[in-house]
Amino acid sequence: MEACGKEKIENGLNGRELGLRKVEKGDCPIRDQFVRDRVLTEAEVVGSLKESGVVGFGSEVDGADREGWRKALHESEKNFLEYSLQKDLRKKTVALERFETLKLEGALDLEYKKQIDVRGKVILAPLTTVGNLPFRRLCKKYGADITVGEMAIAEHVLKGEKDEWALLRRHKSEDIFGVQLAGNLSDIVGKASEIVNKKCDVDFIDLNAGCPIDMVCKKGAGCDLLRRKDKLRGVVRKGSALVDVPFSVKMRTGISNDPAGWNAHQLIPKMKEWGASWVTLHGRSKEQRYKRTADWNYIDKCRKIANDSGLPLVGNGDIFSFEDAQEAFTVSDAIMVARGAIIKPWIFAEIKEARYIDMTAGQRLEMYKEFSGYCLDHYGADDRGREASRKYLLEWLCFTCRYPPVGIFEEYGERLDELRPRLNLRIPAAVGRDPLEMTLSSRDPRDWIRVSEYLLGPVPNGYKFAPKHVGKAWSSEAGMAFQK
């Protein structure tokens, strides 16, 4: 990546200038002054929240009007699993005309197939747990062009499982929205695609061929599809043939750590023929998971191959700044942002405006409050909904504490002018410009719980929280369950 000159930063009040330059792999130019030398006490954490000026929801939200909440929910969201449909799915009595026609005639000619031009778009990736509807709603506010729901298991969708159908829900602000399905059997994925296309309001359906989690791969889905070309071909062909919306594929570079064994460049030329409308390529293999940096040179190679076959390619991996995005657009037709959006959702605004945005701690706490409000809208404001909201807020705080406040770089001037925000550069918890900024950068789940209490009221007695997604660079303490 090229070195960058001075870029404007806005903190909501006035413009600043910040000099940054490239950080080489393995280089972590952190000065002793940048590392927190102490942890805030509980009283200091609570005090910093109270002094922020942000007023939390506390225990004052009235969750008694459950029927009123349901009515408002149905006005703002779509793709609910109605009881009649759930019953038909469980009895296997849902009519699948397209599937039966394809089975009998061997071909299906849909009169109309919707088209979406993804070129130049900035897409929010499908994110397990953290990519819930309230979070996608927040990302839309900051400028995401396209959103994708959390991965749903095709077989569970077919069985009418309520939790799985909840992943298909769409907020009215999501103007271009897709559903991602995972599965390894062409009939199962095909049927699920047809049902989602007919019963839900979606703009496209995406096949997950990139999930590296063993639980998914051991069932032949996710990345495991990359091992079996015939299986992948059957799933893409049937899934795309049974829907009148675009059918895309999200995949990784291959299976092994060794780039010599990667096969995405061999599979991508076939995708157009199989019926895919575009391909999203994450620049890592299954075995790499999230280790090492994404290989954008390989993405560039695959983009050229995809374009030669008439297929757009979306690049994905390690986008954490507008500079990363600008460079990614030179080697891909569109970009997908994942962890970078979790850590700082305003990355979409940074990309659109081509500048760094220095979110103050107060602005970030206000953002957490807004997200909490979206959660209460979605899950309900009663005790059950409040605790669901707390759960997803805490899961999100596991990531946001890793955000390195851009304005801090300026505070240290030339001593840190070589540091450019990078997703895989795990800096220590920083000395914040104020106590609230130090609170929000804490890696201690107990502090996350205190933030949730400030926004959503006290946790129940005996409350425990164990982060579902914990980075290996964090202390082992962060992986423990803490009891209030």
Protein backbone atom coordinates (compact mmCIF):
# COMPACT_ATOMS: atom_id res chain seq x y z
CA MET A 1 0.00 0.00 0.00
CA GLU A 2 1.22 3.46 -0.84
CA ALA A 3 2.19 5.98 1.76
CA CYS A 4 -0.40 8.67 2.26
CA GLY A 5 0.05 12.35 2.80
CA LYS A 6 -1.85 14.56 5.21
CA GLU A 7 -5.55 13.76 5.30
CA LYS A 8 -8.30 15.82 6.82
CA ILE A 9 -9.93 14.54 9.97
CA GLU A 10 -13.15 15.88 11.36
CA ASN A 11 -14.14 15.49 14.98
CA GLY A 12 -17.59 16.99 14.59
CA LEU A 13 -16.42 20.46 15.59
CA ASN A 14 -13.43 21.44 13.50
CA GLY A 15 -11.10 20.07 10.86
CA ARG A 16 -7.64 18.72 11.70
CA GLU A 17 -4.66 17.47 9.78
CA LEU A 18 -3.04 14.09 10.37
CA GLY A 19 0.08 12.64 8.79
CA LEU A 20 0.12 8.84 8.42
CA ARG A 21 2.24 6.41 6.53
CA LYS A 22 2.38 2.74 5.68
CA VAL A 23 3.02 0.20 8.44
CA GLU A 24 4.98 -2.81 7.27
CA LYS A 25 3.93 -6.32 8.25
CA GLY A 26 5.08 -7.14 11.77
CA ASP A 27 5.92 -3.50 12.52
CA CYS A 28 4.17 -2.05 15.56
CA PRO A 29 5.60 1.42 16.22
CA ILE A 30 3.88 1.97 19.55
CA ARG A 31 5.62 4.24 22.03
CA ASP A 32 5.54 3.70 25.78
CA GLN A 33 3.50 6.88 26.11
CA PHE A 34 0.73 5.32 24.02
CA VAL A 35 0.21 2.35 26.34
CA ARG A 36 -2.16 2.61 29.26
CA ASP A 37 -0.17 2.18 32.47
CA ARG A 38 -3.17 1.68 34.73
CA VAL A 39 -6.78 0.50 34.69
CA LEU A 40 -9.64 2.78 35.67
CA THR A 41 -11.38 1.95 38.92
CA GLU A 42 -15.08 1.09 38.89
CA ALA A 43 -15.87 4.52 40.33
CA GLU A 44 -13.89 6.21 37.54
CA VAL A 45 -15.67 4.15 34.87
CA VAL A 46 -19.11 4.97 36.29
CA GLY A 47 -18.11 8.60 36.72
CA SER A 48 -16.91 8.90 33.11
CA LEU A 49 -20.27 7.57 31.86
CA LYS A 50 -22.29 9.95 34.03
CA GLU A 51 -20.22 12.93 32.95
CA SER A 52 -20.62 12.12 29.25
CA GLY A 53 -23.90 13.98 28.92
CA VAL A 54 -25.46 10.94 27.23
CA VAL A 55 -28.64 9.83 28.98
CA GLY A 56 -29.18 6.06 28.89
CA PHE A 57 -32.52 4.28 28.65
CA GLY A 58 -32.06 2.92 32.17
CA SER A 59 -35.10 1.14 33.57
CA GLU A 60 -37.56 3.76 32.40
CA VAL A 61 -38.50 2.13 29.09
CA ASP A 62 -42.07 0.89 29.24
CA GLY A 63 -42.22 -2.64 27.87
CA ALA A 64 -45.74 -3.42 29.00
CA ASP A 65 -47.48 -2.66 25.68
CA ARG A 66 -46.38 -5.82 23.88
CA GLU A 67 -49.16 -5.60 21.30
CA GLY A 68 -48.28 -2.00 20.47
CA TRP A 69 -44.67 -3.06 20.05
CA ARG A 70 -45.65 -5.87 17.66
CA LYS A 71 -47.70 -3.49 15.56
CA ALA A 72 -44.85 -1.00 15.30
CA LEU A 73 -42.45 -3.85 14.49
CA HIS A 74 -44.55 -5.06 11.56
CA GLU A 75 -44.64 -1.51 10.21
CA SER A 76 -40.84 -1.17 10.19
CA GLU A 77 -39.65 -4.72 9.42
CA LYS A 78 -40.38 -7.43 6.84
CA ASN A 79 -39.91 -11.17 6.32
CA PHE A 80 -41.72 -12.50 9.39
CA LEU A 81 -42.35 -16.23 9.75
CA GLU A 82 -46.14 -16.40 9.97
CA TYR A 83 -47.62 -19.30 11.91
CA SER A 84 -49.43 -20.71 8.86
CA LEU A 85 -46.18 -20.80 6.85
CA GLN A 86 -44.28 -22.36 9.74
CA LYS A 87 -46.92 -25.09 10.02
CA ASP A 88 -46.78 -25.80 6.27
CA LEU A 89 -42.99 -25.94 6.32
CA ARG A 90 -42.99 -28.42 9.18
CA LYS A 91 -45.55 -30.58 7.39
CA LYS A 92 -43.66 -30.19 4.10
CA THR A 93 -46.81 -28.99 2.36
CA VAL A 94 -45.45 -25.72 0.95
CA ALA A 95 -45.93 -25.63 -2.83
CA LEU A 96 -42.63 -25.56 -4.72
CA GLU A 97 -43.78 -25.11 -8.32
CA ARG A 98 -40.44 -24.04 -9.70
CA PHE A 99 -38.58 -26.90 -8.05
CA GLU A 100 -41.07 -29.47 -9.37
CA THR A 101 -40.98 -27.96 -12.87
CA LEU A 102 -37.19 -28.06 -12.92
CA LYS A 103 -37.26 -31.64 -11.65
CA LEU A 104 -39.67 -32.77 -14.39
CA GLU A 105 -38.49 -30.73 -17.35
CA GLY A 106 -34.82 -30.27 -16.51
CA ALA A 107 -34.98 -26.57 -17.27
CA LEU A 108 -36.81 -23.51 -16.03
CA ASP A 109 -37.26 -20.31 -17.98
CA LEU A 110 -38.18 -17.47 -15.63
CA GLU A 111 -39.76 -14.63 -17.57
CA TYR A 112 -38.06 -11.95 -15.50
CA LYS A 113 -34.91 -11.92 -13.42
CA LYS A 114 -34.07 -8.83 -11.41
CA GLN A 115 -30.63 -7.34 -11.97
CA ILE A 116 -28.40 -5.49 -9.51
CA ASP A 117 -25.26 -3.67 -10.57
CA VAL A 118 -22.87 -4.05 -7.63
CA ARG A 119 -20.00 -2.21 -9.30
CA GLY A 120 -18.71 0.65 -7.18
CA LYS A 121 -20.82 -0.37 -4.18
CA VAL A 122 -19.69 -0.64 -0.54
CA ILE A 123 -21.32 -3.71 0.99
CA LEU A 124 -21.74 -4.70 4.63
CA ALA A 125 -20.70 -8.34 4.97
CA PRO A 126 -22.94 -11.03 6.50
CA LEU A 127 -21.69 -11.11 10.10
CA THR A 128 -22.62 -13.86 12.54
CA THR A 129 -24.17 -12.53 15.78
CA VAL A 130 -22.93 -8.96 15.39
CA GLY A 131 -24.53 -8.43 11.97
CA ASN A 132 -28.02 -8.38 13.43
CA LEU A 133 -30.82 -6.16 12.12
CA PRO A 134 -30.21 -3.27 14.59
CA PHE A 135 -26.52 -3.20 13.62
CA ARG A 136 -27.33 -3.23 9.89
CA ARG A 137 -29.75 -0.39 10.50
CA LEU A 138 -26.90 1.60 12.07
CA CYS A 139 -24.59 0.86 9.14
CA LYS A 140 -27.25 2.04 6.69
CA LYS A 141 -27.33 5.35 8.56
CA TYR A 142 -23.58 5.70 8.03
CA GLY A 143 -23.79 4.97 4.31
CA ALA A 144 -23.60 1.23 3.55
CA ASP A 145 -24.92 0.69 -0.01
CA ILE A 146 -25.93 -2.95 0.38
CA THR A 147 -26.57 -5.08 3.46
CA VAL A 148 -26.65 -8.86 3.87
CA GLY A 149 -28.33 -10.80 6.67
CA GLU A 150 -26.53 -13.25 8.93
CA MET A 151 -25.79 -16.70 7.50
CA ALA A 152 -28.88 -18.91 7.67
CA ILE A 153 -28.72 -22.72 7.35
CA ALA A 154 -30.85 -23.71 4.35
CA GLU A 155 -32.06 -26.93 5.98
CA HIS A 156 -33.28 -25.05 9.07
CA VAL A 157 -35.07 -22.50 6.89
CA LEU A 158 -36.91 -25.37 5.18
CA LYS A 159 -37.95 -26.77 8.55
CA GLY A 160 -39.51 -23.47 9.56
CA GLU A 161 -37.23 -22.95 12.55
CA LYS A 162 -38.12 -19.64 14.15
CA ASP A 163 -34.56 -18.66 15.11
CA GLU A 164 -33.34 -19.24 11.57
CA TRP A 165 -36.14 -17.21 10.02
CA ALA A 166 -35.33 -14.36 12.39
CA LEU A 167 -32.05 -14.03 10.45
CA LEU A 168 -34.02 -13.23 7.29
CA ARG A 169 -35.75 -10.16 8.73
CA ARG A 170 -35.26 -6.87 6.93
CA HIS A 171 -35.61 -3.29 8.16
CA LYS A 172 -37.34 -0.76 5.92
CA SER A 173 -34.11 1.30 5.75
CA GLU A 174 -32.31 -1.58 3.98
CA ASP A 175 -33.01 -0.54 0.40
CA ILE A 176 -30.82 -3.26 -1.16
CA PHE A 177 -30.86 -6.35 1.03
CA GLY A 178 -29.73 -9.93 0.54
CA VAL A 179 -30.09 -13.18 2.46
CA GLN A 180 -27.18 -15.61 2.80
CA LEU A 181 -27.84 -19.36 2.82
CA ALA A 182 -25.46 -22.18 3.72
CA GLY A 183 -25.86 -25.78 2.64
CA ASN A 184 -24.20 -28.56 0.66
CA LEU A 185 -27.15 -30.29 -1.02
CA SER A 186 -28.47 -28.75 -4.22
CA ASP A 187 -32.09 -29.77 -3.56
CA ILE A 188 -32.06 -28.31 -0.03
CA VAL A 189 -30.44 -25.03 -1.07
CA GLY A 190 -32.67 -24.86 -4.15
CA LYS A 191 -35.90 -25.34 -2.18
CA ALA A 192 -34.83 -22.89 0.52
CA SER A 193 -33.93 -20.33 -2.16
CA GLU A 194 -37.32 -20.69 -3.83
CA ILE A 195 -39.17 -20.30 -0.53
CA VAL A 196 -37.13 -17.26 0.51
CA ASN A 197 -37.64 -15.71 -2.93
CA LYS A 198 -41.43 -16.26 -2.78
CA LYS A 199 -42.18 -15.61 0.89
CA CYS A 200 -39.67 -12.87 1.72
CA ASP A 201 -38.80 -9.45 0.37
CA VAL A 202 -35.17 -9.85 -0.70
CA ASP A 203 -33.16 -8.31 -3.54
CA PHE A 204 -30.70 -11.19 -3.91
CA ILE A 205 -29.69 -14.52 -2.38
CA ASP A 206 -26.07 -15.32 -1.54
CA LEU A 207 -24.51 -18.76 -1.16
CA ASN A 208 -22.01 -19.15 1.67
CA ALA A 209 -18.95 -20.97 0.31
CA GLY A 210 -16.54 -19.17 2.63
CA CYS A 211 -17.40 -19.99 6.25
CA PRO A 212 -14.28 -21.62 7.80
CA ILE A 213 -15.97 -22.80 11.01
CA ASP A 214 -15.56 -26.56 11.51
CA MET A 215 -19.17 -27.04 12.60
CA VAL A 216 -20.29 -25.81 9.15
CA CYS A 217 -17.51 -27.35 7.07
CA LYS A 218 -17.88 -30.82 8.61
CA LYS A 219 -21.39 -30.90 7.16
CA GLY A 220 -20.00 -30.18 3.70
CA ALA A 221 -21.10 -26.53 3.61
CA GLY A 222 -19.17 -23.26 3.75
CA CYS A 223 -15.54 -23.55 2.67
CA ASP A 224 -15.86 -27.30 2.25
CA LEU A 225 -17.72 -26.67 -1.02
CA LEU A 226 -14.40 -25.45 -2.45
CA ARG A 227 -13.04 -29.00 -2.18
CA ARG A 228 -15.84 -30.44 -4.32
CA LYS A 229 -16.38 -28.70 -7.61
CA ASP A 230 -19.30 -30.91 -8.69
CA LYS A 231 -21.14 -30.30 -5.43
CA LEU A 232 -20.59 -26.54 -5.69
CA ARG A 233 -21.73 -26.52 -9.31
CA GLY A 234 -24.95 -28.34 -8.43
CA VAL A 235 -25.78 -26.00 -5.54
CA VAL A 236 -25.14 -22.82 -7.56
CA ARG A 237 -27.00 -24.07 -10.61
CA LYS A 238 -30.10 -25.15 -8.76
CA GLY A 239 -30.14 -22.19 -6.39
CA SER A 240 -29.85 -19.66 -9.21
CA ALA A 241 -32.33 -21.47 -11.48
CA LEU A 242 -35.16 -21.36 -8.93
CA VAL A 243 -35.18 -17.64 -8.11
CA ASP A 244 -36.03 -14.47 -10.01
CA VAL A 245 -33.48 -12.39 -8.10
CA PRO A 246 -29.67 -12.44 -8.47
CA PHE A 247 -27.89 -15.41 -6.91
CA SER A 248 -24.34 -14.63 -5.74
CA VAL A 249 -21.54 -16.65 -4.17
CA LYS A 250 -19.23 -15.63 -1.32
CA MET A 251 -16.07 -17.71 -1.13
CA ARG A 252 -12.48 -17.82 0.09
CA THR A 253 -9.25 -18.32 -1.84
CA GLY A 254 -9.14 -22.05 -1.14
CA ILE A 255 -8.55 -24.49 1.68
CA SER A 256 -4.84 -24.63 2.54
CA ASN A 257 -2.41 -22.11 3.99
CA ASP A 258 -0.21 -22.59 0.93
CA PRO A 259 -1.23 -20.23 -1.91
CA ALA A 260 -0.07 -22.88 -4.37
CA GLY A 261 -3.10 -24.92 -3.33
CA TRP A 262 -5.69 -22.18 -3.76
CA ASN A 263 -8.36 -22.86 -6.37
CA ALA A 264 -10.68 -19.85 -6.40
CA HIS A 265 -9.16 -18.72 -9.71
CA GLN A 266 -10.18 -22.07 -11.21
CA LEU A 267 -13.76 -21.99 -9.89
CA ILE A 268 -14.61 -18.36 -10.61
CA PRO A 269 -14.58 -18.67 -14.45
CA LYS A 270 -17.37 -21.27 -14.14
CA MET A 271 -19.64 -19.22 -11.89
CA LYS A 272 -21.28 -17.21 -14.69
CA GLU A 273 -22.09 -20.41 -16.58
CA TRP A 274 -23.55 -21.94 -13.41
CA GLY A 275 -25.85 -18.96 -12.90
CA ALA A 276 -24.10 -16.68 -10.39
CA SER A 277 -24.61 -12.93 -10.82
CA TRP A 278 -21.40 -11.98 -9.00
CA VAL A 279 -18.76 -13.47 -6.71
CA THR A 280 -17.39 -12.09 -3.45
CA LEU A 281 -13.85 -13.22 -2.66
CA HIS A 282 -12.34 -13.03 0.83
CA GLY A 283 -8.57 -12.88 0.40
CA ARG A 284 -7.79 -15.69 2.87
CA SER A 285 -8.10 -19.49 2.82
CA LYS A 286 -10.09 -21.71 5.15
CA GLU A 287 -7.02 -22.70 7.17
CA GLN A 288 -5.88 -19.11 7.49
CA ARG A 289 -9.19 -18.10 9.06
CA TYR A 290 -8.36 -14.49 10.06
CA LYS A 291 -4.59 -14.93 10.44
CA ARG A 292 -2.18 -13.05 8.19
CA THR A 293 -3.32 -10.27 5.94
CA ALA A 294 -5.78 -10.68 3.10
CA ASP A 295 -4.08 -11.31 -0.26
CA TRP A 296 -5.31 -8.51 -2.51
CA ASN A 297 -2.87 -9.47 -5.26
CA TYR A 298 -4.73 -12.76 -5.55
CA ILE A 299 -8.06 -10.90 -5.49
CA ASP A 300 -6.78 -8.76 -8.37
CA LYS A 301 -5.85 -11.90 -10.31
CA CYS A 302 -9.31 -13.38 -9.74
CA ARG A 303 -11.04 -10.09 -10.62
CA LYS A 304 -9.44 -10.13 -14.06
CA ILE A 305 -10.50 -13.75 -14.56
CA ALA A 306 -14.06 -12.99 -13.39
CA ASN A 307 -14.35 -9.95 -15.64
CA ASP A 308 -13.17 -11.98 -18.63
CA SER A 309 -16.17 -14.25 -18.06
CA GLY A 310 -18.54 -11.29 -17.65
CA LEU A 311 -18.79 -11.51 -13.88
CA PRO A 312 -18.22 -8.66 -11.37
CA LEU A 313 -15.99 -9.51 -8.40
CA VAL A 314 -16.41 -8.06 -4.91
CA GLY A 315 -13.21 -7.89 -2.85
CA ASN A 316 -13.22 -8.54 0.90
CA GLY A 317 -10.58 -8.55 3.63
CA ASP A 318 -8.89 -6.13 6.08
CA ILE A 319 -10.62 -2.93 4.95
CA PHE A 320 -10.30 -0.60 7.94
CA SER A 321 -9.97 2.89 6.44
CA PHE A 322 -10.97 4.92 3.42
CA GLU A 323 -7.41 4.48 2.13
CA ASP A 324 -7.76 0.69 2.29
CA ALA A 325 -11.06 1.06 0.40
CA GLN A 326 -9.55 3.27 -2.28
CA GLU A 327 -6.79 0.76 -2.89
CA ALA A 328 -9.26 -2.14 -2.85
CA PHE A 329 -11.36 -0.48 -5.55
CA THR A 330 -8.34 -0.50 -7.87
CA VAL A 331 -8.34 -4.32 -7.87
CA SER A 332 -12.03 -5.18 -7.42
CA ASP A 333 -15.36 -4.06 -8.85
CA ALA A 334 -16.95 -3.53 -5.43
CA ILE A 335 -15.86 -3.97 -1.84
CA MET A 336 -17.29 -5.74 1.19
CA VAL A 337 -16.47 -4.53 4.71
CA ALA A 338 -16.69 -6.92 7.68
CA ARG A 339 -14.67 -6.51 10.89
CA GLY A 340 -13.76 -2.95 9.98
CA ALA A 341 -17.46 -2.06 10.09
CA ILE A 342 -17.95 -3.80 13.44
CA ILE A 343 -15.11 -1.85 15.05
CA LYS A 344 -16.18 1.48 13.53
CA PRO A 345 -19.52 1.51 11.65
CA TRP A 346 -18.83 5.04 10.43
CA ILE A 347 -16.21 3.56 8.09
CA PHE A 348 -18.89 3.79 5.38
CA ALA A 349 -19.03 7.57 5.83
CA GLU A 350 -15.21 7.71 5.80
CA ILE A 351 -15.13 5.80 2.51
CA LYS A 352 -17.79 7.97 0.88
CA GLU A 353 -16.17 11.22 2.04
CA ALA A 354 -12.54 10.04 1.62
CA ARG A 355 -11.38 11.21 5.05
CA TYR A 356 -10.82 9.98 8.57
CA ILE A 357 -13.53 10.80 11.07
CA ASP A 358 -12.41 11.27 14.66
CA MET A 359 -15.40 10.11 16.70
CA THR A 360 -15.12 11.47 20.22
CA ALA A 361 -15.89 9.17 23.13
CA GLY A 362 -19.13 11.06 23.73
CA GLN A 363 -20.20 10.57 20.12
CA ARG A 364 -19.39 6.86 20.33
CA LEU A 365 -21.40 6.46 23.54
CA GLU A 366 -24.30 8.23 21.81
CA MET A 367 -23.91 5.71 18.96
CA TYR A 368 -24.10 2.82 21.46
CA LYS A 369 -27.28 4.38 22.85
CA GLU A 370 -28.74 4.63 19.35
CA PHE A 371 -27.90 0.98 18.72
CA SER A 372 -29.48 0.02 22.06
CA GLY A 373 -32.63 1.88 21.01
CA TYR A 374 -32.69 -0.02 17.71
CA CYS A 375 -32.31 -3.26 19.70
CA LEU A 376 -35.25 -2.36 21.95
CA ASP A 377 -37.30 -1.61 18.83
CA HIS A 378 -36.40 -5.02 17.40
CA TYR A 379 -36.34 -7.32 20.44
CA GLY A 380 -38.84 -5.48 22.62
CA ALA A 381 -38.54 -3.28 25.69
CA ASP A 382 -39.74 -5.83 28.23
CA ASP A 383 -37.30 -7.80 30.40
CA ARG A 384 -36.74 -10.42 27.71
CA GLY A 385 -36.13 -7.84 25.00
CA ARG A 386 -33.90 -5.75 27.24
CA GLU A 387 -31.62 -8.71 27.99
CA ALA A 388 -31.47 -9.69 24.32
CA SER A 389 -30.48 -6.08 23.57
CA ARG A 390 -27.80 -6.23 26.28
CA LYS A 391 -26.42 -9.48 24.87
CA TYR A 392 -25.92 -8.01 21.40
CA LEU A 393 -24.56 -4.74 22.75
CA LEU A 394 -21.94 -6.63 24.76
CA GLU A 395 -20.99 -8.81 21.80
CA TRP A 396 -20.46 -5.63 19.80
CA LEU A 397 -18.39 -3.98 22.55
CA CYS A 398 -16.00 -6.97 22.29
CA PHE A 399 -14.94 -5.45 18.96
CA THR A 400 -15.39 -1.70 19.40
CA CYS A 401 -12.90 -1.59 22.28
CA ARG A 402 -10.23 -2.31 19.66
CA TYR A 403 -10.86 1.00 17.90
CA PRO A 404 -7.73 3.21 17.99
CA PRO A 405 -9.04 6.81 18.25
CA VAL A 406 -7.56 8.59 15.27
CA GLY A 407 -7.25 11.86 17.16
CA ILE A 408 -4.84 10.27 19.64
CA PHE A 409 -2.30 9.88 16.84
CA GLU A 410 -2.29 13.63 16.42
CA GLU A 411 -1.85 14.17 20.16
CA TYR A 412 1.50 12.36 19.98
CA GLY A 413 2.56 14.19 16.84
CA GLU A 414 5.70 12.98 15.08
CA ARG A 415 6.25 10.15 17.54
CA LEU A 416 3.33 8.27 16.00
CA ASP A 417 3.08 9.83 12.57
CA GLU A 418 4.12 6.54 10.96
CA LEU A 419 1.09 4.68 12.33
CA ARG A 420 -1.75 4.03 9.93
CA PRO A 421 -4.89 2.30 11.31
CA ARG A 422 -4.67 -1.35 10.27
CA LEU A 423 -7.12 -4.09 11.11
CA ASN A 424 -4.53 -6.69 12.07
CA LEU A 425 -2.32 -4.27 13.99
CA ARG A 426 -3.54 -4.89 17.54
CA ILE A 427 -2.47 -1.89 19.59
CA PRO A 428 -2.67 -1.98 23.38
CA ALA A 429 -5.51 -0.23 25.16
CA ALA A 430 -4.69 3.42 24.66
CA VAL A 431 -4.38 6.26 27.09
CA GLY A 432 -7.54 8.12 26.19
CA ARG A 433 -7.87 11.86 25.87
CA ASP A 434 -10.44 11.69 28.67
CA PRO A 435 -11.71 9.07 31.17
CA LEU A 436 -14.66 8.12 28.93
CA GLU A 437 -12.35 7.32 26.02
CA MET A 438 -10.31 5.11 28.35
CA THR A 439 -13.51 3.39 29.50
CA LEU A 440 -14.60 2.64 25.93
CA SER A 441 -11.17 1.18 25.07
CA SER A 442 -11.19 -1.20 28.04
CA ARG A 443 -10.70 -4.89 27.21
CA ASP A 444 -12.31 -5.94 30.49
CA PRO A 445 -15.83 -7.40 30.02
CA ARG A 446 -16.76 -6.02 33.43
CA ASP A 447 -16.41 -2.52 31.98
CA TRP A 448 -18.56 -3.50 28.99
CA ILE A 449 -21.22 -4.63 31.43
CA ARG A 450 -21.03 -1.26 33.20
CA VAL A 451 -21.57 0.49 29.87
CA SER A 452 -24.59 -1.74 29.20
CA GLU A 453 -25.98 -0.95 32.65
CA TYR A 454 -25.67 2.75 32.00
CA LEU A 455 -27.60 2.40 28.73
CA LEU A 456 -30.05 -0.42 29.53
CA GLY A 457 -30.34 -0.51 33.30
CA PRO A 458 -28.90 -2.89 35.93
CA VAL A 459 -28.14 -6.48 35.00
CA PRO A 460 -30.06 -9.24 36.84
CA ASN A 461 -28.45 -10.84 39.89
CA GLY A 462 -25.92 -13.51 38.94
CA TYR A 463 -25.59 -12.14 35.40
CA LYS A 464 -22.76 -13.67 33.36
CA PHE A 465 -21.34 -12.84 29.96
CA ALA A 466 -18.81 -14.80 27.92
CA PRO A 467 -17.78 -13.19 24.62
CA LYS A 468 -18.64 -15.40 21.65
CA HIS A 469 -15.97 -13.88 19.42
CA VAL A 470 -12.64 -13.23 21.14
CA GLY A 471 -9.49 -12.21 19.28
CA LYS A 472 -6.37 -14.21 20.12
CA ALA A 473 -4.44 -11.02 20.74
CA TRP A 474 -6.58 -10.25 23.76
CA SER A 475 -5.66 -11.36 27.24
CA SER A 476 -6.99 -14.72 28.43
CA GLU A 477 -9.00 -12.77 30.96
CA ALA A 478 -11.24 -11.45 28.18
CA GLY A 479 -12.34 -14.98 27.32
CA MET A 480 -13.71 -15.68 30.79
CA ALA A 481 -17.28 -15.38 31.92
CA PHE A 482 -17.68 -12.64 34.47
CA GLN A 483 -20.27 -12.64 37.19
CA LYS A 484 -21.69 -9.36 38.38
